[in-house]
Amino acid sequence: MPKVDTDPKKIEELLSRGVVEAIDREHLKKELLSGRQLRVKLGIDPTSPNIHIGRAVALWKLRKFQDLGHKAVFIVGDSTGIIGDASDKESARPMLTEKEIKANMKNYFKQAFKILNPKKTEARYNSKWLSKLGFLELARIANLFGLHEFESREVIARRMKEGKRVSYLELMYPLFQGYDSVAVKADVELGGTDQRFNLLTGRHIQPLYKQQPQDILMTELLEGTDGRKMSSSWGNVINITDMPNDMFGKVMSIKDELIERYFVLATNVSRETIPAMLAKGPRDAKIELAAEIVKLYH
C-alpha cells in the first residue's frame, strides 16, 4: 500500500486554502486522515492552447493531494472540449472541431507537468470512454435528472428567461463530465466554483454504477489582469507558458486589491508570511508576488 501522509495540519491547509466549498468536507477529512490512498480527479477541456494560472489553481490543489501520497488523475477533455461547457457562458458556444481540439491540446500534458509530478500522475483523455458511450447507456444516465435541475442553474435560467437558445448538447455536458468520474473511479473531484453543477452530477451518477459518491473540493476563481474572471476568450490571462518577463509584467499590471488573492491562489508562499509582504505597500508586494509566480514556472 502506498504511503500516505496524514498530518492534520497539512490536511487542514489542503481543505481550506483557496477552497470555497467542500462536499462532504467531514467525510473527505476522515478519508484523508485514514491513510487510504484516494483517487483525485481533475479535468480540463482544451478549449484554448494554453493553461493559465487561473486554471492552475485547481492543478496546484491536485499537486498538494499528490504530495500527500494520493493518486492524481488528470483528464484532458478532448471529447467534452468539443461539446463545450455552458457553466459560465451567456450564449451557446459554437462546437469546436476535432482538429481545433487536437491543436489546442498538443502540449497540455507538458504544461500540466510544470505543476504535477508526471511519474505519479494518471494522465487520461476522456475520448477513450466517451466515444464508446452508447445512446441507451446515456439515456440511463439522463434519466437520473429532471429539466428543472438544469433550469436551476443561474446562467441557463437567465438565458431561457431572455429567450436565448439553450441546446440539448449543453444540457448533456454535465452528464459527460459526471461519467468521467465513473470511468476513472474518482474518490474526489476538484474544480472551480463555476463547475459546481457538473461536479455534483458526477457524485449523482456514480451510485448508478455501484460506486461511492465522490467528495468535491471547489476552489476560488482567480481574476485576470482586467479584474474580471480570468478567461482565455477575454484575453486577460497569465499563461503558465508565458516568458518570465511577460509573466512578471502581467502580474505587475493587476489591480492592487487583487494582490492578496493572488498570493493565496497563485503562489505556494506560507499564508503566515503574506501579511508582512502586503505591509510593504502595493508596489513592493506586487514585485514579490510577481517573483514568486515566475519562480513557480521558470
C-alpha atoms as a PDB file:
ATOM      1  CA  MET A   1       0.000   0.000   0.000  1.00  0.00           C
ATOM      2  CA  PRO A   2       1.390   3.464  -0.940  1.00  0.00           C
ATOM      3  CA  LYS A   3       2.489   5.595   1.991  1.00  0.00           C
ATOM      4  CA  VAL A   4       0.045   8.440   2.625  1.00  0.00           C
ATOM      5  CA  ASP A   5       0.821  11.493   4.783  1.00  0.00           C
ATOM      6  CA  THR A   6      -1.951  12.028   7.374  1.00  0.00           C
ATOM      7  CA  ASP A   7      -0.506  15.141   9.041  1.00  0.00           C
ATOM      8  CA  PRO A   8      -3.608  17.011  10.352  1.00  0.00           C
ATOM      9  CA  LYS A   9      -2.018  20.434   9.743  1.00  0.00           C
ATOM     10  CA  LYS A  10      -1.284  19.644   6.080  1.00  0.00           C
ATOM     11  CA  ILE A  11      -4.782  18.229   5.618  1.00  0.00           C
ATOM     12  CA  GLU A  12      -6.393  21.334   7.111  1.00  0.00           C
ATOM     13  CA  GLU A  13      -4.324  23.530   4.775  1.00  0.00           C
ATOM     14  CA  LEU A  14      -5.401  21.354   1.839  1.00  0.00           C
ATOM     15  CA  LEU A  15      -9.075  21.672   2.759  1.00  0.00           C
ATOM     16  CA  SER A  16      -9.035  25.406   3.452  1.00  0.00           C
ATOM     17  CA  ARG A  17      -6.563  27.348   1.300  1.00  0.00           C
ATOM     18  CA  GLY A  18      -8.390  28.764  -1.689  1.00  0.00           C
ATOM     19  CA  VAL A  19     -11.351  26.466  -1.032  1.00  0.00           C
ATOM     20  CA  VAL A  20     -14.880  27.864  -1.224  1.00  0.00           C
ATOM     21  CA  GLU A  21     -16.855  24.686  -0.593  1.00  0.00           C
ATOM     22  CA  ALA A  22     -16.233  21.012   0.132  1.00  0.00           C
ATOM     23  CA  ILE A  23     -18.850  18.261  -0.250  1.00  0.00           C
ATOM     24  CA  ASP A  24     -18.757  16.237   2.008  1.00  0.00           C
ATOM     25  CA  ARG A  25     -16.000  18.013   3.966  1.00  0.00           C
ATOM     26  CA  GLU A  26     -16.181  15.873   7.099  1.00  0.00           C
ATOM     27  CA  HIS A  27     -16.212  12.663   5.080  1.00  0.00           C
ATOM     28  CA  LEU A  28     -13.270  13.830   2.986  1.00  0.00           C
ATOM     29  CA  LYS A  29     -11.319  14.876   6.069  1.00  0.00           C
ATOM     30  CA  LYS A  30     -11.952  11.474   7.643  1.00  0.00           C
ATOM     31  CA  GLU A  31     -10.760   9.739   4.455  1.00  0.00           C
ATOM     32  CA  LEU A  32      -7.608  11.870   4.341  1.00  0.00           C
ATOM     33  CA  LEU A  33      -6.830  11.061   7.973  1.00  0.00           C
ATOM     34  CA  SER A  34      -7.452   7.335   7.415  1.00  0.00           C
ATOM     35  CA  GLY A  35      -4.282   6.817   5.390  1.00  0.00           C
ATOM     36  CA  ARG A  36      -6.139   5.310   2.433  1.00  0.00           C
ATOM     37  CA  GLN A  37      -4.846   6.428  -0.946  1.00  0.00           C
ATOM     38  CA  LEU A  38      -7.583   8.385  -2.737  1.00  0.00           C
ATOM     39  CA  ARG A  39      -8.092   8.789  -6.479  1.00  0.00           C
ATOM     40  CA  VAL A  40      -8.328  12.542  -7.027  1.00  0.00           C
ATOM     41  CA  LYS A  41      -9.666  13.718 -10.381  1.00  0.00           C
ATOM     42  CA  LEU A  42      -9.271  16.990 -12.252  1.00  0.00           C
ATOM     43  CA  GLY A  43     -10.354  17.502 -15.841  1.00  0.00           C
ATOM     44  CA  ILE A  44      -9.541  20.425 -18.128  1.00  0.00           C
ATOM     45  CA  ASP A  45     -11.048  20.951 -21.586  1.00  0.00           C
ATOM     46  CA  PRO A  46      -8.520  22.126 -24.201  1.00  0.00           C
ATOM     47  CA  THR A  47     -10.676  24.985 -25.486  1.00  0.00           C
ATOM     48  CA  SER A  48      -7.529  27.114 -25.849  1.00  0.00           C
ATOM     49  CA  PRO A  49      -3.872  26.133 -26.420  1.00  0.00           C
ATOM     50  CA  ASN A  50      -2.579  27.396 -23.076  1.00  0.00           C
ATOM     51  CA  ILE A  51      -3.250  26.676 -19.418  1.00  0.00           C
ATOM     52  CA  HIS A  52      -3.412  29.932 -17.458  1.00  0.00           C
ATOM     53  CA  ILE A  53      -2.718  30.481 -13.771  1.00  0.00           C
ATOM     54  CA  GLY A  54      -6.444  30.676 -13.058  1.00  0.00           C
ATOM     55  CA  ARG A  55      -6.834  27.078 -14.209  1.00  0.00           C
ATOM     56  CA  ALA A  56      -3.621  26.261 -12.375  1.00  0.00           C
ATOM     57  CA  VAL A  57      -5.329  26.947  -9.010  1.00  0.00           C
ATOM     58  CA  ALA A  58      -7.019  23.519  -9.175  1.00  0.00           C
ATOM     59  CA  LEU A  59      -3.877  21.938 -10.652  1.00  0.00           C
ATOM     60  CA  TRP A  60      -1.836  23.098  -7.656  1.00  0.00           C
ATOM     61  CA  LYS A  61      -4.544  21.713  -5.371  1.00  0.00           C
ATOM     62  CA  LEU A  62      -4.190  18.376  -7.191  1.00  0.00           C
ATOM     63  CA  ARG A  63      -0.422  18.570  -6.669  1.00  0.00           C
ATOM     64  CA  LYS A  64      -0.995  19.026  -2.920  1.00  0.00           C
ATOM     65  CA  PHE A  65      -3.052  15.811  -2.847  1.00  0.00           C
ATOM     66  CA  GLN A  66      -0.258  14.168  -4.819  1.00  0.00           C
ATOM     67  CA  ASP A  67       2.356  15.369  -2.317  1.00  0.00           C
ATOM     68  CA  LEU A  68       0.374  13.689   0.467  1.00  0.00           C
ATOM     69  CA  GLY A  69       0.605  10.385  -1.414  1.00  0.00           C
ATOM     70  CA  HIS A  70      -2.764  10.298  -3.209  1.00  0.00           C
ATOM     71  CA  LYS A  71      -3.224   9.297  -6.854  1.00  0.00           C
ATOM     72  CA  ALA A  72      -3.653  12.297  -9.160  1.00  0.00           C
ATOM     73  CA  VAL A  73      -5.900  11.585 -12.148  1.00  0.00           C
ATOM     74  CA  PHE A  74      -5.580  14.375 -14.717  1.00  0.00           C
ATOM     75  CA  ILE A  75      -8.030  14.254 -17.620  1.00  0.00           C
ATOM     76  CA  VAL A  76      -7.710  16.247 -20.811  1.00  0.00           C
ATOM     77  CA  GLY A  77     -11.284  16.594 -22.062  1.00  0.00           C
ATOM     78  CA  ASP A  78     -10.767  16.034 -25.757  1.00  0.00           C
ATOM     79  CA  SER A  79     -14.404  14.919 -26.100  1.00  0.00           C
ATOM     80  CA  THR A  80     -16.034  17.324 -23.636  1.00  0.00           C
ATOM     81  CA  GLY A  81     -13.967  20.136 -25.182  1.00  0.00           C
ATOM     82  CA  ILE A  82     -15.734  19.606 -28.499  1.00  0.00           C
ATOM     83  CA  ILE A  83     -19.156  19.806 -26.805  1.00  0.00           C
ATOM     84  CA  GLY A  84     -18.396  22.858 -24.680  1.00  0.00           C
ATOM     85  CA  ASP A  85     -19.328  23.658 -21.089  1.00  0.00           C
ATOM     86  CA  ALA A  86     -22.176  26.143 -20.608  1.00  0.00           C
ATOM     87  CA  SER A  87     -21.443  26.789 -16.921  1.00  0.00           C
ATOM     88  CA  ASP A  88     -20.432  30.426 -17.397  1.00  0.00           C
ATOM     89  CA  LYS A  89     -21.488  31.149 -20.975  1.00  0.00           C
ATOM     90  CA  GLU A  90     -24.112  33.793 -21.777  1.00  0.00           C
ATOM     91  CA  SER A  91     -24.737  32.263 -25.211  1.00  0.00           C
ATOM     92  CA  ALA A  92     -24.286  28.918 -26.899  1.00  0.00           C
ATOM     93  CA  ARG A  93     -20.658  28.346 -27.841  1.00  0.00           C
ATOM     94  CA  PRO A  94     -20.013  27.023 -31.346  1.00  0.00           C
ATOM     95  CA  MET A  95     -18.752  23.447 -31.227  1.00  0.00           C
ATOM     96  CA  LEU A  96     -15.024  23.162 -31.779  1.00  0.00           C
ATOM     97  CA  THR A  97     -13.782  20.726 -34.401  1.00  0.00           C
ATOM     98  CA  GLU A  98     -11.647  17.693 -33.585  1.00  0.00           C
ATOM     99  CA  LYS A  99      -8.826  19.384 -35.489  1.00  0.00           C
ATOM    100  CA  GLU A 100      -9.064  22.505 -33.288  1.00  0.00           C
ATOM    101  CA  ILE A 101      -9.134  20.418 -30.113  1.00  0.00           C
ATOM    102  CA  LYS A 102      -6.128  18.353 -31.205  1.00  0.00           C
ATOM    103  CA  ALA A 103      -4.177  21.528 -31.957  1.00  0.00           C
ATOM    104  CA  ASN A 104      -5.112  23.060 -28.603  1.00  0.00           C
ATOM    105  CA  MET A 105      -4.225  20.014 -26.515  1.00  0.00           C
ATOM    106  CA  LYS A 106      -0.896  19.339 -28.222  1.00  0.00           C
ATOM    107  CA  ASN A 107       1.131  20.467 -25.195  1.00  0.00           C
ATOM    108  CA  TYR A 108      -1.485  20.129 -22.416  1.00  0.00           C
ATOM    109  CA  PHE A 109       0.193  17.326 -20.501  1.00  0.00           C
ATOM    110  CA  LYS A 110       3.576  19.037 -20.870  1.00  0.00           C
ATOM    111  CA  GLN A 111       2.070  22.209 -19.381  1.00  0.00           C
ATOM    112  CA  ALA A 112       0.290  20.342 -16.588  1.00  0.00           C
ATOM    113  CA  PHE A 113       3.549  18.629 -15.678  1.00  0.00           C
ATOM    114  CA  LYS A 114       5.038  22.026 -14.842  1.00  0.00           C
ATOM    115  CA  ILE A 115       2.854  21.560 -11.737  1.00  0.00           C
ATOM    116  CA  LEU A 116       2.107  17.852 -11.357  1.00  0.00           C
ATOM    117  CA  ASN A 117       4.649  15.095 -10.786  1.00  0.00           C
ATOM    118  CA  PRO A 118       4.431  13.146 -14.076  1.00  0.00           C
ATOM    119  CA  LYS A 119       5.686   9.910 -12.508  1.00  0.00           C
ATOM    120  CA  LYS A 120       2.799   9.954 -10.037  1.00  0.00           C
ATOM    121  CA  THR A 121       0.060  11.158 -12.388  1.00  0.00           C
ATOM    122  CA  GLU A 122      -2.530   9.056 -14.205  1.00  0.00           C
ATOM    123  CA  ALA A 123      -2.927  11.001 -17.452  1.00  0.00           C
ATOM    124  CA  ARG A 124      -6.088  10.292 -19.445  1.00  0.00           C
ATOM    125  CA  TYR A 125      -8.132  11.514 -22.433  1.00  0.00           C
ATOM    126  CA  ASN A 126     -11.890  11.238 -21.906  1.00  0.00           C
ATOM    127  CA  SER A 127     -12.489  10.290 -25.546  1.00  0.00           C
ATOM    128  CA  LYS A 128     -11.273   6.826 -24.548  1.00  0.00           C
ATOM    129  CA  TRP A 129     -14.569   6.093 -22.795  1.00  0.00           C
ATOM    130  CA  LEU A 130     -16.971   8.778 -24.030  1.00  0.00           C
ATOM    131  CA  SER A 131     -16.519   7.686 -27.669  1.00  0.00           C
ATOM    132  CA  LYS A 132     -17.844   4.258 -26.634  1.00  0.00           C
ATOM    133  CA  LEU A 133     -20.817   5.519 -24.617  1.00  0.00           C
ATOM    134  CA  GLY A 134     -23.941   4.223 -26.357  1.00  0.00           C
ATOM    135  CA  PHE A 135     -27.266   6.019 -26.695  1.00  0.00           C
ATOM    136  CA  LEU A 136     -29.152   3.669 -24.346  1.00  0.00           C
ATOM    137  CA  GLU A 137     -26.449   3.959 -21.700  1.00  0.00           C
ATOM    138  CA  LEU A 138     -26.615   7.744 -21.979  1.00  0.00           C
ATOM    139  CA  ALA A 139     -30.406   7.510 -21.601  1.00  0.00           C
ATOM    140  CA  ARG A 140     -29.941   5.598 -18.311  1.00  0.00           C
ATOM    141  CA  ILE A 141     -27.732   8.388 -17.028  1.00  0.00           C
ATOM    142  CA  ALA A 142     -30.014  11.172 -18.287  1.00  0.00           C
ATOM    143  CA  ASN A 143     -32.978   9.549 -16.517  1.00  0.00           C
ATOM    144  CA  LEU A 144     -31.375  10.477 -13.179  1.00  0.00           C
ATOM    145  CA  PHE A 145     -32.047  14.165 -13.838  1.00  0.00           C
ATOM    146  CA  GLY A 146     -35.026  16.413 -14.488  1.00  0.00           C
ATOM    147  CA  LEU A 147     -35.215  19.534 -16.660  1.00  0.00           C
ATOM    148  CA  HIS A 148     -35.900  21.653 -13.575  1.00  0.00           C
ATOM    149  CA  GLU A 149     -32.450  20.752 -12.238  1.00  0.00           C
ATOM    150  CA  PHE A 150     -30.764  22.137 -15.337  1.00  0.00           C
ATOM    151  CA  GLU A 151     -33.034  25.206 -15.290  1.00  0.00           C
ATOM    152  CA  SER A 152     -31.978  25.925 -11.719  1.00  0.00           C
ATOM    153  CA  ARG A 153     -28.506  26.882 -12.934  1.00  0.00           C
ATOM    154  CA  GLU A 154     -28.209  30.660 -12.901  1.00  0.00           C
ATOM    155  CA  VAL A 155     -26.744  31.156 -16.390  1.00  0.00           C
ATOM    156  CA  ILE A 156     -29.117  28.651 -18.024  1.00  0.00           C
ATOM    157  CA  ALA A 157     -32.151  30.150 -16.258  1.00  0.00           C
ATOM    158  CA  ARG A 158     -31.180  33.662 -17.355  1.00  0.00           C
ATOM    159  CA  ARG A 159     -30.654  32.639 -20.960  1.00  0.00           C
ATOM    160  CA  MET A 160     -34.009  30.840 -21.077  1.00  0.00           C
ATOM    161  CA  LYS A 161     -35.774  33.817 -19.497  1.00  0.00           C
ATOM    162  CA  GLU A 162     -34.221  36.093 -22.121  1.00  0.00           C
ATOM    163  CA  GLY A 163     -35.315  33.747 -24.891  1.00  0.00           C
ATOM    164  CA  LYS A 164     -31.751  32.798 -25.809  1.00  0.00           C
ATOM    165  CA  ARG A 165     -31.077  29.375 -27.284  1.00  0.00           C
ATOM    166  CA  VAL A 166     -30.021  26.586 -24.917  1.00  0.00           C
ATOM    167  CA  SER A 167     -29.097  23.448 -26.837  1.00  0.00           C
ATOM    168  CA  TYR A 168     -29.712  19.888 -25.673  1.00  0.00           C
ATOM    169  CA  LEU A 169     -25.977  19.353 -26.061  1.00  0.00           C
ATOM    170  CA  GLU A 170     -25.258  21.994 -23.433  1.00  0.00           C
ATOM    171  CA  LEU A 171     -27.628  20.225 -21.044  1.00  0.00           C
ATOM    172  CA  MET A 172     -25.819  16.951 -21.682  1.00  0.00           C
ATOM    173  CA  TYR A 173     -22.346  18.307 -20.950  1.00  0.00           C
ATOM    174  CA  PRO A 174     -22.577  17.705 -17.157  1.00  0.00           C
ATOM    175  CA  LEU A 175     -23.564  14.079 -17.849  1.00  0.00           C
ATOM    176  CA  PHE A 176     -20.372  13.513 -19.804  1.00  0.00           C
ATOM    177  CA  GLN A 177     -18.214  15.147 -17.132  1.00  0.00           C
ATOM    178  CA  GLY A 178     -20.029  13.118 -14.499  1.00  0.00           C
ATOM    179  CA  TYR A 179     -19.392   9.896 -16.409  1.00  0.00           C
ATOM    180  CA  ASP A 180     -15.679  10.739 -16.374  1.00  0.00           C
ATOM    181  CA  SER A 181     -15.816  10.207 -12.595  1.00  0.00           C
ATOM    182  CA  VAL A 182     -17.308   6.752 -13.150  1.00  0.00           C
ATOM    183  CA  ALA A 183     -14.685   5.852 -15.763  1.00  0.00           C
ATOM    184  CA  VAL A 184     -11.729   6.716 -13.507  1.00  0.00           C
ATOM    185  CA  LYS A 185     -13.436   5.636 -10.248  1.00  0.00           C
ATOM    186  CA  ALA A 186     -12.871   9.034  -8.620  1.00  0.00           C
ATOM    187  CA  ASP A 187     -12.942   9.380  -4.840  1.00  0.00           C
ATOM    188  CA  VAL A 188     -12.542  13.158  -5.067  1.00  0.00           C
ATOM    189  CA  GLU A 189     -13.072  15.680  -7.846  1.00  0.00           C
ATOM    190  CA  LEU A 190     -11.585  19.170  -7.970  1.00  0.00           C
ATOM    191  CA  GLY A 191     -12.904  22.202  -9.826  1.00  0.00           C
ATOM    192  CA  GLY A 192     -13.721  25.887  -9.632  1.00  0.00           C
ATOM    193  CA  THR A 193     -16.951  27.238  -8.188  1.00  0.00           C
ATOM    194  CA  ASP A 194     -18.337  27.656 -11.719  1.00  0.00           C
ATOM    195  CA  GLN A 195     -18.204  23.857 -12.008  1.00  0.00           C
ATOM    196  CA  ARG A 196     -20.486  23.170  -9.041  1.00  0.00           C
ATOM    197  CA  PHE A 197     -23.369  21.646 -11.015  1.00  0.00           C
ATOM    198  CA  ASN A 198     -21.031  19.482 -13.109  1.00  0.00           C
ATOM    199  CA  LEU A 199     -19.151  18.245 -10.040  1.00  0.00           C
ATOM    200  CA  LEU A 200     -22.387  17.313  -8.275  1.00  0.00           C
ATOM    201  CA  THR A 201     -23.543  15.482 -11.406  1.00  0.00           C
ATOM    202  CA  GLY A 202     -20.618  13.078 -11.107  1.00  0.00           C
ATOM    203  CA  ARG A 203     -21.492  12.497  -7.470  1.00  0.00           C
ATOM    204  CA  HIS A 204     -25.077  11.723  -8.515  1.00  0.00           C
ATOM    205  CA  ILE A 205     -24.172   9.335 -11.360  1.00  0.00           C
ATOM    206  CA  GLN A 206     -21.631   7.160  -9.538  1.00  0.00           C
ATOM    207  CA  PRO A 207     -24.166   5.177  -7.427  1.00  0.00           C
ATOM    208  CA  LEU A 208     -25.793   4.012 -10.678  1.00  0.00           C
ATOM    209  CA  TYR A 209     -22.531   2.130 -11.269  1.00  0.00           C
ATOM    210  CA  LYS A 210     -22.254   0.858  -7.681  1.00  0.00           C
ATOM    211  CA  GLN A 211     -19.595   3.435  -6.814  1.00  0.00           C
ATOM    212  CA  GLN A 212     -19.488   5.608  -3.709  1.00  0.00           C
ATOM    213  CA  PRO A 213     -20.306   9.275  -4.484  1.00  0.00           C
ATOM    214  CA  GLN A 214     -17.139  11.298  -4.899  1.00  0.00           C
ATOM    215  CA  ASP A 215     -16.263  14.076  -2.494  1.00  0.00           C
ATOM    216  CA  ILE A 216     -15.858  17.513  -4.038  1.00  0.00           C
ATOM    217  CA  LEU A 217     -13.424  20.340  -3.402  1.00  0.00           C
ATOM    218  CA  MET A 218     -14.256  23.648  -5.091  1.00  0.00           C
ATOM    219  CA  THR A 219     -11.577  26.302  -5.433  1.00  0.00           C
ATOM    220  CA  GLU A 220     -11.960  30.057  -5.852  1.00  0.00           C
ATOM    221  CA  LEU A 221     -11.895  31.612  -9.308  1.00  0.00           C
ATOM    222  CA  LEU A 222      -8.927  33.884  -9.964  1.00  0.00           C
ATOM    223  CA  GLU A 223      -9.473  37.277 -11.565  1.00  0.00           C
ATOM    224  CA  GLY A 224      -7.496  38.212 -14.650  1.00  0.00           C
ATOM    225  CA  THR A 225      -5.397  41.260 -15.412  1.00  0.00           C
ATOM    226  CA  ASP A 226      -8.526  43.381 -16.038  1.00  0.00           C
ATOM    227  CA  GLY A 227     -10.284  42.362 -12.816  1.00  0.00           C
ATOM    228  CA  ARG A 228     -12.794  40.035 -14.487  1.00  0.00           C
ATOM    229  CA  LYS A 229     -12.655  36.253 -14.170  1.00  0.00           C
ATOM    230  CA  MET A 230      -9.504  35.007 -15.893  1.00  0.00           C
ATOM    231  CA  SER A 231     -10.566  33.650 -19.272  1.00  0.00           C
ATOM    232  CA  SER A 232      -8.699  32.886 -22.485  1.00  0.00           C
ATOM    233  CA  SER A 233     -11.658  34.196 -24.505  1.00  0.00           C
ATOM    234  CA  TRP A 234     -11.284  37.600 -22.812  1.00  0.00           C
ATOM    235  CA  GLY A 235      -7.515  37.717 -23.220  1.00  0.00           C
ATOM    236  CA  ASN A 236      -6.941  38.746 -19.598  1.00  0.00           C
ATOM    237  CA  VAL A 237      -4.791  35.726 -18.807  1.00  0.00           C
ATOM    238  CA  ILE A 238      -1.357  34.978 -17.448  1.00  0.00           C
ATOM    239  CA  ASN A 239      -0.370  31.709 -19.097  1.00  0.00           C
ATOM    240  CA  ILE A 240       1.958  29.293 -17.340  1.00  0.00           C
ATOM    241  CA  THR A 241       3.939  29.132 -20.612  1.00  0.00           C
ATOM    242  CA  ASP A 242       4.492  32.913 -20.759  1.00  0.00           C
ATOM    243  CA  MET A 243       8.114  34.005 -20.870  1.00  0.00           C
ATOM    244  CA  PRO A 244       9.442  35.204 -17.478  1.00  0.00           C
ATOM    245  CA  ASN A 245       9.493  38.899 -18.391  1.00  0.00           C
ATOM    246  CA  ASP A 246       5.970  38.766 -19.827  1.00  0.00           C
ATOM    247  CA  MET A 247       4.684  36.866 -16.814  1.00  0.00           C
ATOM    248  CA  PHE A 248       6.329  39.328 -14.424  1.00  0.00           C
ATOM    249  CA  GLY A 249       4.919  42.318 -16.306  1.00  0.00           C
ATOM    250  CA  LYS A 250       1.387  40.922 -16.397  1.00  0.00           C
ATOM    251  CA  VAL A 251       1.415  40.297 -12.640  1.00  0.00           C
ATOM    252  CA  MET A 252       2.625  43.858 -12.069  1.00  0.00           C
ATOM    253  CA  SER A 253      -0.399  45.095 -14.050  1.00  0.00           C
ATOM    254  CA  ILE A 254      -3.064  43.515 -11.828  1.00  0.00           C
ATOM    255  CA  LYS A 255      -5.277  45.664  -9.634  1.00  0.00           C
ATOM    256  CA  ASP A 256      -3.817  46.379  -6.175  1.00  0.00           C
ATOM    257  CA  GLU A 257      -6.861  44.907  -4.438  1.00  0.00           C
ATOM    258  CA  LEU A 258      -6.090  41.510  -6.007  1.00  0.00           C
ATOM    259  CA  ILE A 259      -2.551  41.174  -4.610  1.00  0.00           C
ATOM    260  CA  GLU A 260      -3.576  39.182  -1.530  1.00  0.00           C
ATOM    261  CA  ARG A 261      -5.837  36.844  -3.555  1.00  0.00           C
ATOM    262  CA  TYR A 262      -3.000  36.196  -5.993  1.00  0.00           C
ATOM    263  CA  PHE A 263      -0.650  35.339  -3.114  1.00  0.00           C
ATOM    264  CA  VAL A 264      -3.187  32.838  -1.739  1.00  0.00           C
ATOM    265  CA  LEU A 265      -4.357  31.301  -5.021  1.00  0.00           C
ATOM    266  CA  ALA A 266      -1.408  31.617  -7.389  1.00  0.00           C
ATOM    267  CA  THR A 267       1.633  31.014  -5.151  1.00  0.00           C
ATOM    268  CA  ASN A 268       2.796  28.484  -2.582  1.00  0.00           C
ATOM    269  CA  VAL A 269       4.067  31.015  -0.055  1.00  0.00           C
ATOM    270  CA  SER A 270       3.001  30.388   3.511  1.00  0.00           C
ATOM    271  CA  ARG A 271      -0.200  32.198   4.456  1.00  0.00           C
ATOM    272  CA  GLU A 272       1.502  33.368   7.652  1.00  0.00           C
ATOM    273  CA  THR A 273       4.035  35.387   5.629  1.00  0.00           C
ATOM    274  CA  ILE A 274       1.521  37.149   3.353  1.00  0.00           C
ATOM    275  CA  PRO A 275       0.566  39.993   5.780  1.00  0.00           C
ATOM    276  CA  ALA A 276       4.226  41.017   6.095  1.00  0.00           C
ATOM    277  CA  MET A 277       4.545  41.146   2.296  1.00  0.00           C
ATOM    278  CA  LEU A 278       1.377  43.219   1.951  1.00  0.00           C
ATOM    279  CA  ALA A 279       2.628  45.629   4.629  1.00  0.00           C
ATOM    280  CA  LYS A 280       5.432  46.717   2.293  1.00  0.00           C
ATOM    281  CA  GLY A 281       2.915  48.543   0.127  1.00  0.00           C
ATOM    282  CA  PRO A 282       1.303  47.631  -3.220  1.00  0.00           C
ATOM    283  CA  ARG A 283       4.345  48.143  -5.460  1.00  0.00           C
ATOM    284  CA  ASP A 284       6.841  46.171  -3.381  1.00  0.00           C
ATOM    285  CA  ALA A 285       4.271  43.497  -2.545  1.00  0.00           C
ATOM    286  CA  LYS A 286       3.482  43.113  -6.234  1.00  0.00           C
ATOM    287  CA  ILE A 287       7.179  42.755  -7.079  1.00  0.00           C
ATOM    288  CA  GLU A 288       7.466  39.919  -4.551  1.00  0.00           C
ATOM    289  CA  LEU A 289       4.260  38.385  -5.890  1.00  0.00           C
ATOM    290  CA  ALA A 290       5.481  38.522  -9.491  1.00  0.00           C
ATOM    291  CA  ALA A 291       8.815  36.975  -8.495  1.00  0.00           C
ATOM    292  CA  GLU A 292       7.065  34.128  -6.663  1.00  0.00           C
ATOM    293  CA  ILE A 293       4.811  33.332  -9.638  1.00  0.00           C
ATOM    294  CA  VAL A 294       7.672  33.424 -12.151  1.00  0.00           C
ATOM    295  CA  LYS A 295       9.719  31.168  -9.853  1.00  0.00           C
ATOM    296  CA  LEU A 296       6.946  28.537  -9.883  1.00  0.00           C
ATOM    297  CA  TYR A 297       7.068  28.095 -13.661  1.00  0.00           C
ATOM    298  CA  HIS A 298      10.657  29.058 -14.513  1.00  0.00           C
END
